[in-house]
Amino acid sequence: MGKHAFLIIAHNDWPLLSKLLTCLDDKRNSIFIHIDEKSNFEFKDVYEPSESECVYIKKQKVMWGGESLISVEMSLIKAAIEYNHFDYLHLMSGQDLPLKTQDEIHRWFNNHQGGNFISQDSNLNNLIINRISKYWFLQNIAGRRRGILFGLLRRLDRVSVRLQEILKVDRTKKIPMRIYKGDNWFSITGDMAEILLAFETQIRSWFGKGWCADELFLQTIAYNSSLKDTIVNDSLREIDWKRGNPYIYTVDDKELLLSSKKLFARKFSMEIDNEIINIVYNRVKGYERIIND
């Protein structure tokens, strides 16, 4: 019976996080959670798993697009690897939900044992390379925060990047491998997780002070690793980038989600549409049968 680790990055919407934890609560799983240090959070706000081992790792302040996201992802991977040997590690946000029951998820991975499910986008242009070829010194401070000060910091960062372009700064020259990009949500084997941890120092050097480099570091290491032939270009997640950034699902997407071959979906919001969350939750908890692949 395979052991799975679910790595969750959360910062709000505690009722939705509780739904997610309830769906993942299974004796075959361990759950590792990071709560943004900036969040107003108390343990009583969320469901406490009774079947899964649940570990809350040390809080960090997380900024959208900043190196803090990479730090949190690596901290979650390290916490899981140090805790136990897992067949699979799955990175999720607190606004995700599984689309299948735990029996179906575990059966699916047993049938695809050894595969690493990491998306990769072939459209790698100069704007994307610029995310790590230049230093974004203030991204981890400004993020998407509102206000005159943070707007000024983002403007200063863009000026700094333009100056670096004039000076022909290119950090990628020190990266001895091809660069890849994709979604930062993944399902990887324990062996792939070990490879990522072995590159922890290089990841900090190559991708730190980048902009949205959380969509680059894992793909770059994984697709250049000794396990590259085990990678399937599919994150197994239903994510809609055409209607949003990403799009937040509503009840109008019921048929799409319930008939999806994907195992997970991102993203949901209790504030935007609670009905679709309850529909998916009821199906995943086994109140209705899920379409199997």
Protein backbone atom coordinates (compact mmCIF):
# COMPACT_ATOMS: atom_id res chain seq x y z
CA MET A 1 0.00 0.00 0.00
CA GLY A 2 1.65 3.21 -1.18
CA LYS A 3 2.17 6.17 1.12
CA HIS A 4 1.42 9.64 -0.20
CA ALA A 5 2.36 13.08 1.13
CA PHE A 6 0.15 16.05 0.39
CA LEU A 7 1.99 19.35 0.63
CA ILE A 8 -0.37 22.29 1.08
CA ILE A 9 0.34 26.01 0.79
CA ALA A 10 -2.52 28.00 2.35
CA HIS A 11 -3.16 31.61 3.24
CA ASN A 12 -6.91 32.10 3.62
CA ASP A 13 -10.40 30.61 3.15
CA TRP A 14 -10.17 28.27 6.14
CA PRO A 15 -13.59 26.61 5.52
CA LEU A 16 -12.33 25.57 2.07
CA LEU A 17 -9.06 24.33 3.56
CA SER A 18 -11.14 22.26 5.98
CA LYS A 19 -13.00 20.69 3.05
CA LEU A 20 -9.68 19.88 1.37
CA LEU A 21 -8.27 18.31 4.55
CA THR A 22 -11.41 16.25 4.98
CA CYS A 23 -11.07 14.94 1.43
CA LEU A 24 -7.42 14.00 2.01
CA ASP A 25 -7.92 12.45 5.45
CA ASP A 26 -6.89 8.84 4.85
CA LYS A 27 -4.53 6.48 6.68
CA ARG A 28 -2.45 6.11 3.50
CA ASN A 29 -1.71 9.84 3.48
CA SER A 30 0.36 12.28 5.48
CA ILE A 31 -0.41 15.99 5.18
CA PHE A 32 2.14 18.79 5.47
CA ILE A 33 0.77 22.31 5.68
CA HIS A 34 2.32 25.75 5.42
CA ILE A 35 0.24 28.71 6.59
CA ASP A 36 1.34 32.15 5.42
CA GLU A 37 2.78 34.06 8.38
CA LYS A 38 0.77 37.11 7.29
CA SER A 39 -2.52 35.20 7.69
CA ASN A 40 -4.94 35.45 10.57
CA PHE A 41 -5.01 31.76 11.45
CA GLU A 42 -5.90 29.64 14.47
CA PHE A 43 -5.86 25.84 14.56
CA LYS A 44 -9.50 25.81 15.66
CA ASP A 45 -10.36 27.39 12.29
CA VAL A 46 -9.73 24.19 10.33
CA TYR A 47 -10.56 20.50 10.37
CA GLU A 48 -8.09 18.30 12.24
CA PRO A 49 -7.45 15.06 10.30
CA SER A 50 -8.13 11.90 12.29
CA GLU A 51 -6.75 9.27 9.86
CA SER A 52 -3.82 11.15 8.30
CA GLU A 53 -0.72 12.29 10.08
CA CYS A 54 -0.78 16.09 9.85
CA VAL A 55 2.26 18.36 10.25
CA TYR A 56 2.27 22.15 10.20
CA ILE A 57 5.69 23.43 9.19
CA LYS A 58 7.28 26.69 10.35
CA LYS A 59 5.51 29.75 8.98
CA GLN A 60 7.10 32.08 6.45
CA LYS A 61 5.83 35.30 4.90
CA VAL A 62 4.86 34.40 1.36
CA MET A 63 4.77 36.94 -1.46
CA TRP A 64 3.23 36.29 -4.86
CA GLY A 65 5.98 35.79 -7.44
CA GLY A 66 8.74 36.00 -4.81
CA GLU A 67 11.49 33.62 -3.80
CA SER A 68 9.52 32.89 -0.62
CA LEU A 69 7.29 30.57 -2.67
CA ILE A 70 10.31 28.49 -3.66
CA SER A 71 11.47 28.46 -0.04
CA VAL A 72 8.09 27.20 1.16
CA GLU A 73 7.89 24.49 -1.50
CA MET A 74 11.37 23.24 -0.64
CA SER A 75 10.57 23.36 3.09
CA LEU A 76 7.47 21.22 2.54
CA ILE A 77 9.40 18.70 0.44
CA LYS A 78 12.17 18.54 3.03
CA ALA A 79 9.68 18.08 5.88
CA ALA A 80 8.05 15.17 4.07
CA ILE A 81 11.33 13.47 3.12
CA GLU A 82 12.65 13.76 6.68
CA TYR A 83 9.38 12.42 8.09
CA ASN A 84 8.98 9.24 6.08
CA HIS A 85 9.49 7.57 2.72
CA PHE A 86 6.63 8.42 0.39
CA ASP A 87 5.80 6.90 -2.97
CA TYR A 88 4.34 10.24 -4.07
CA LEU A 89 4.39 13.86 -3.00
CA HIS A 90 1.64 16.19 -4.24
CA LEU A 91 1.88 19.98 -4.04
CA MET A 92 -1.49 21.70 -3.65
CA SER A 93 -2.80 25.07 -2.59
CA GLY A 94 -5.40 25.60 0.10
CA GLN A 95 -7.84 26.54 -2.68
CA ASP A 96 -7.62 23.19 -4.49
CA LEU A 97 -9.77 20.09 -4.24
CA PRO A 98 -9.35 16.49 -5.40
CA LEU A 99 -11.80 15.36 -8.05
CA LYS A 100 -11.57 11.68 -7.15
CA THR A 101 -11.92 9.60 -3.99
CA GLN A 102 -8.79 8.52 -2.16
CA ASP A 103 -9.31 4.93 -3.31
CA GLU A 104 -9.36 6.08 -6.92
CA ILE A 105 -6.36 8.37 -6.49
CA HIS A 106 -4.25 5.65 -4.88
CA ARG A 107 -5.35 3.06 -7.43
CA TRP A 108 -4.47 5.46 -10.25
CA PHE A 109 -0.96 6.04 -8.93
CA ASN A 110 -0.46 2.33 -8.27
CA ASN A 111 -1.24 1.79 -11.96
CA HIS A 112 1.20 4.55 -12.99
CA GLN A 113 3.90 3.81 -10.44
CA GLY A 114 7.21 5.56 -11.08
CA GLY A 115 5.80 8.33 -13.24
CA ASN A 116 6.51 11.96 -12.34
CA PHE A 117 3.68 14.29 -13.27
CA ILE A 118 5.12 17.73 -13.96
CA SER A 119 3.71 20.09 -16.58
CA GLN A 120 6.05 21.79 -19.03
CA ASP A 121 5.31 24.66 -21.40
CA SER A 122 7.29 24.65 -24.64
CA ASN A 123 6.66 28.37 -25.25
CA LEU A 124 9.72 29.66 -23.43
CA ASN A 125 10.32 33.23 -24.59
CA ASN A 126 12.67 36.03 -23.53
CA LEU A 127 10.12 37.52 -21.15
CA ILE A 128 9.99 34.25 -19.24
CA ILE A 129 13.77 33.83 -19.26
CA ASN A 130 13.97 37.40 -17.92
CA ARG A 131 12.35 36.13 -14.74
CA ILE A 132 15.66 34.59 -13.70
CA SER A 133 18.24 36.14 -16.03
CA LYS A 134 17.86 39.41 -14.08
CA TYR A 135 17.70 40.14 -10.36
CA TRP A 136 14.27 41.16 -9.09
CA PHE A 137 15.49 42.53 -5.79
CA LEU A 138 12.13 43.80 -4.50
CA GLN A 139 9.67 41.18 -5.77
CA ASN A 140 9.67 39.27 -2.50
CA ILE A 141 8.78 42.48 -0.67
CA ALA A 142 6.24 44.01 -3.04
CA GLY A 143 4.48 40.93 -4.43
CA ARG A 144 0.97 41.97 -5.42
CA ARG A 145 0.44 44.10 -2.32
CA ARG A 146 -1.63 47.22 -2.80
CA GLY A 147 -0.61 50.74 -1.90
CA ILE A 148 1.56 53.57 -3.14
CA LEU A 149 4.70 52.23 -1.46
CA PHE A 150 4.44 48.76 -2.98
CA GLY A 151 3.60 50.22 -6.39
CA LEU A 152 6.74 52.31 -6.13
CA LEU A 153 8.81 49.24 -5.20
CA ARG A 154 7.53 47.35 -8.25
CA ARG A 155 8.40 50.35 -10.44
CA LEU A 156 11.91 50.49 -8.97
CA ASP A 157 12.31 46.78 -9.67
CA ARG A 158 11.38 47.30 -13.33
CA VAL A 159 13.88 50.18 -13.58
CA SER A 160 16.54 47.93 -12.04
CA VAL A 161 15.77 45.20 -14.58
CA ARG A 162 16.08 47.67 -17.46
CA LEU A 163 19.46 48.81 -16.15
CA GLN A 164 20.56 45.18 -15.95
CA GLU A 165 19.51 44.73 -19.56
CA ILE A 166 21.69 47.68 -20.55
CA LEU A 167 24.57 46.22 -18.55
CA LYS A 168 23.90 42.81 -20.18
CA VAL A 169 23.42 41.02 -16.87
CA ASP A 170 22.55 37.38 -17.50
CA ARG A 171 22.28 35.13 -14.46
CA THR A 172 21.33 32.13 -16.61
CA LYS A 173 24.95 31.81 -17.79
CA LYS A 174 25.73 30.07 -14.50
CA ILE A 175 22.90 27.53 -14.95
CA PRO A 176 24.52 24.53 -16.69
CA MET A 177 21.27 23.09 -17.99
CA ARG A 178 18.32 23.87 -20.22
CA ILE A 179 15.60 25.96 -18.58
CA TYR A 180 12.00 24.72 -18.46
CA LYS A 181 8.72 26.28 -17.28
CA GLY A 182 5.33 24.96 -16.19
CA ASP A 183 2.72 24.94 -13.43
CA ASN A 184 4.24 24.88 -9.96
CA TRP A 185 1.73 22.21 -8.80
CA PHE A 186 2.99 18.65 -9.19
CA SER A 187 2.80 14.98 -8.24
CA ILE A 188 6.30 13.52 -7.97
CA THR A 189 7.93 10.38 -6.65
CA GLY A 190 10.02 10.26 -3.51
CA ASP A 191 13.08 9.71 -5.71
CA MET A 192 12.43 12.92 -7.64
CA ALA A 193 11.94 14.77 -4.37
CA GLU A 194 15.37 13.55 -3.23
CA ILE A 195 16.93 14.94 -6.42
CA LEU A 196 15.32 18.34 -5.80
CA LEU A 197 16.70 18.44 -2.26
CA ALA A 198 20.17 17.58 -3.56
CA PHE A 199 19.99 20.78 -5.65
CA GLU A 200 18.75 22.98 -2.79
CA THR A 201 21.84 25.22 -2.74
CA GLN A 202 21.84 25.65 -6.53
CA ILE A 203 18.10 26.36 -6.57
CA ARG A 204 18.59 29.18 -4.08
CA SER A 205 21.48 30.60 -6.13
CA TRP A 206 19.98 30.19 -9.61
CA PHE A 207 16.35 31.07 -8.92
CA GLY A 208 16.47 33.25 -5.81
CA LYS A 209 15.71 36.96 -6.39
CA GLY A 210 13.71 35.91 -9.44
CA TRP A 211 10.17 36.81 -10.53
CA CYS A 212 7.66 33.92 -10.52
CA ALA A 213 10.62 31.54 -10.57
CA ASP A 214 8.47 28.96 -8.75
CA GLU A 215 7.26 28.05 -12.26
CA LEU A 216 10.82 27.44 -13.43
CA PHE A 217 12.97 25.84 -10.74
CA LEU A 218 11.29 22.44 -10.41
CA GLN A 219 10.84 21.93 -14.14
CA THR A 220 14.46 22.89 -14.83
CA ILE A 221 15.88 20.47 -12.26
CA ALA A 222 13.45 17.64 -13.03
CA TYR A 223 13.63 17.75 -16.84
CA ASN A 224 17.44 17.72 -16.68
CA SER A 225 17.65 14.97 -14.06
CA SER A 226 18.41 11.28 -14.32
CA LEU A 227 14.65 10.69 -13.98
CA LYS A 228 13.70 12.88 -16.95
CA ASP A 229 12.42 9.86 -18.90
CA THR A 230 9.87 9.16 -16.15
CA ILE A 231 8.25 12.59 -16.48
CA VAL A 232 4.77 12.93 -17.94
CA ASN A 233 3.96 16.43 -19.15
CA ASP A 234 0.76 16.63 -17.13
CA SER A 235 0.23 18.04 -13.64
CA LEU A 236 -2.99 15.97 -13.32
CA ARG A 237 -4.77 19.19 -12.36
CA GLU A 238 -7.77 20.85 -13.94
CA ILE A 239 -6.58 24.45 -14.25
CA ASP A 240 -8.13 27.08 -16.53
CA TRP A 241 -5.72 29.87 -17.53
CA LYS A 242 -7.93 31.05 -20.41
CA ARG A 243 -10.75 32.43 -18.28
CA GLY A 244 -8.70 33.63 -15.31
CA ASN A 245 -5.34 33.79 -13.59
CA PRO A 246 -6.31 31.07 -12.89
CA TYR A 247 -10.09 30.93 -13.25
CA ILE A 248 -12.17 30.22 -10.12
CA TYR A 249 -14.68 27.45 -10.79
CA THR A 250 -18.42 27.97 -10.33
CA VAL A 251 -21.48 25.76 -10.46
CA ASP A 252 -21.58 26.37 -14.21
CA ASP A 253 -18.50 24.15 -14.42
CA LYS A 254 -20.17 21.19 -12.68
CA GLU A 255 -20.14 18.85 -15.67
CA LEU A 256 -16.58 19.78 -16.61
CA LEU A 257 -15.28 18.94 -13.14
CA LEU A 258 -17.36 15.83 -12.49
CA SER A 259 -16.45 14.29 -15.86
CA SER A 260 -12.79 15.34 -15.80
CA LYS A 261 -10.06 12.70 -16.09
CA LYS A 262 -7.82 14.91 -13.93
CA LEU A 263 -7.28 13.96 -10.29
CA PHE A 264 -7.30 17.46 -8.79
CA ALA A 265 -8.66 20.92 -9.62
CA ARG A 266 -7.52 24.48 -9.01
CA LYS A 267 -9.05 26.76 -7.96
CA PHE A 268 -12.11 27.36 -5.78
CA SER A 269 -13.38 30.05 -3.44
CA MET A 270 -16.09 29.87 -0.77
CA GLU A 271 -16.76 33.57 -1.36
CA ILE A 272 -17.14 33.23 -5.14
CA ASP A 273 -19.17 29.99 -5.31
CA ASN A 274 -19.80 27.68 -2.38
CA GLU A 275 -22.21 25.46 -4.34
CA ILE A 276 -19.58 23.96 -6.68
CA ILE A 277 -17.34 23.25 -3.70
CA ASN A 278 -20.11 21.25 -2.02
CA ILE A 279 -20.87 19.39 -5.25
CA VAL A 280 -17.23 18.31 -5.69
CA TYR A 281 -16.88 17.56 -1.98
CA ASN A 282 -19.96 15.32 -1.92
CA ARG A 283 -18.75 13.42 -4.96
CA VAL A 284 -15.21 12.98 -3.59
CA LYS A 285 -16.48 11.81 -0.22
CA GLY A 286 -18.21 8.98 -2.03
CA TYR A 287 -21.80 10.18 -1.85
CA GLU A 288 -21.89 9.73 -5.63
CA ARG A 289 -19.79 7.56 -7.89
CA ILE A 290 -16.92 9.23 -9.71
CA ILE A 291 -16.14 8.50 -13.32
CA ASN A 292 -13.03 6.32 -13.34
CA ASP A 293 -10.32 6.29 -16.01
